[in-house]
Amino acid sequence: MRAVVIIPARYGSTRLPGKLIHPEAKRVTGKYIIEHVYEKVVEAQRIAAGDEEPAGASTVMSLPIIATDDERIFDVVKGFCDNVEMTSTAHQSGTDRIAEVAAHRDEDIIVNVQGDEPEIHPEMIKDLISALSKDKEAVMATLANEIKTVDELLDPNVVKVVIDNKDYALYFSRAPIPYLAHGSSLMAHRFFRHIGVYAYRRDFLLKYTKLPPSPLEEIERLEQLRALSNGYKIKVSITTFECRGVDTEEDLKRFLDKYGRQAIGDR
């Protein structure tokens, strides 16, 4: 099997427009947000190439591709790599954008790593591909890690996932699920935070983007519920690695502060 990571890169953002090529990130870290993401994915590809069992059951990773609809991002990306493609401006989601690129690719597995995930760990990508390549029943795979605080559990911006005994997703929600009856402590149960990185079987991805949005998807504003609503299985791989996307000015500040602390620690 062959896999490729496609990184959707949109300029427009309601909360932080142009974040992927934000000049402050370049000034502080020497790289744009999108550049950090691309290098993490390239490192995952290098790790897989050197493994005895690359990325799982005989899966080989191609070099990643950045898919954008904006010439400003395209021009910046061309400054550090050639693996960038212009896509339609009409797409409503990153999934639609990667599907456009996947339509003329021949890899078996397509991975969606958002362009605003500069903290993603290369091993997370490798584990995600492995989870899907080894499971014949799942058409998608995603990641989750354990929630450690009540604040995170109650935060609607933190998406929760409930998993069955075979590590398939039962449901995703912004609410703190599962509900604890009989007055149990909120942290008496293991809760899982969903990490919005996905691997798809290529044929399913092309079909998936043509399905109409489901009522649950529209209520929760969670696109992955479209797959569950139509009876498809999503494999969930639990990871100990954590990553936070850059969605707001506060997220950008947190990332730059963390990067600065790490740089000082490396001296």
Foldseek 3Di string as FASTA:
>chain_A
DEEEEEAEDEQDAPFDGNQQQDVVCCVLPVDGLLRLVLVQQVVLQVVQVPDPCRLANNYHYDRYAYEYQDVVVVVRVVVPDDRYDHDDPPDPDSLVRVLVVLVPDDGQKYKYDYSQWSQDHSVLVSPLSNQVVVDPQAQKEFEKEWDDDPVLLAALVFKWFDADPQQWTPDIASHNPDDDPPPDDSPPDTIITTDPMMMGGSVVSNVLVPDDQDPVCVVRVPRVVSCVVVPGIYGYDYDPDDTDGDRHPVSVVVVSVVSVVVVVVVD
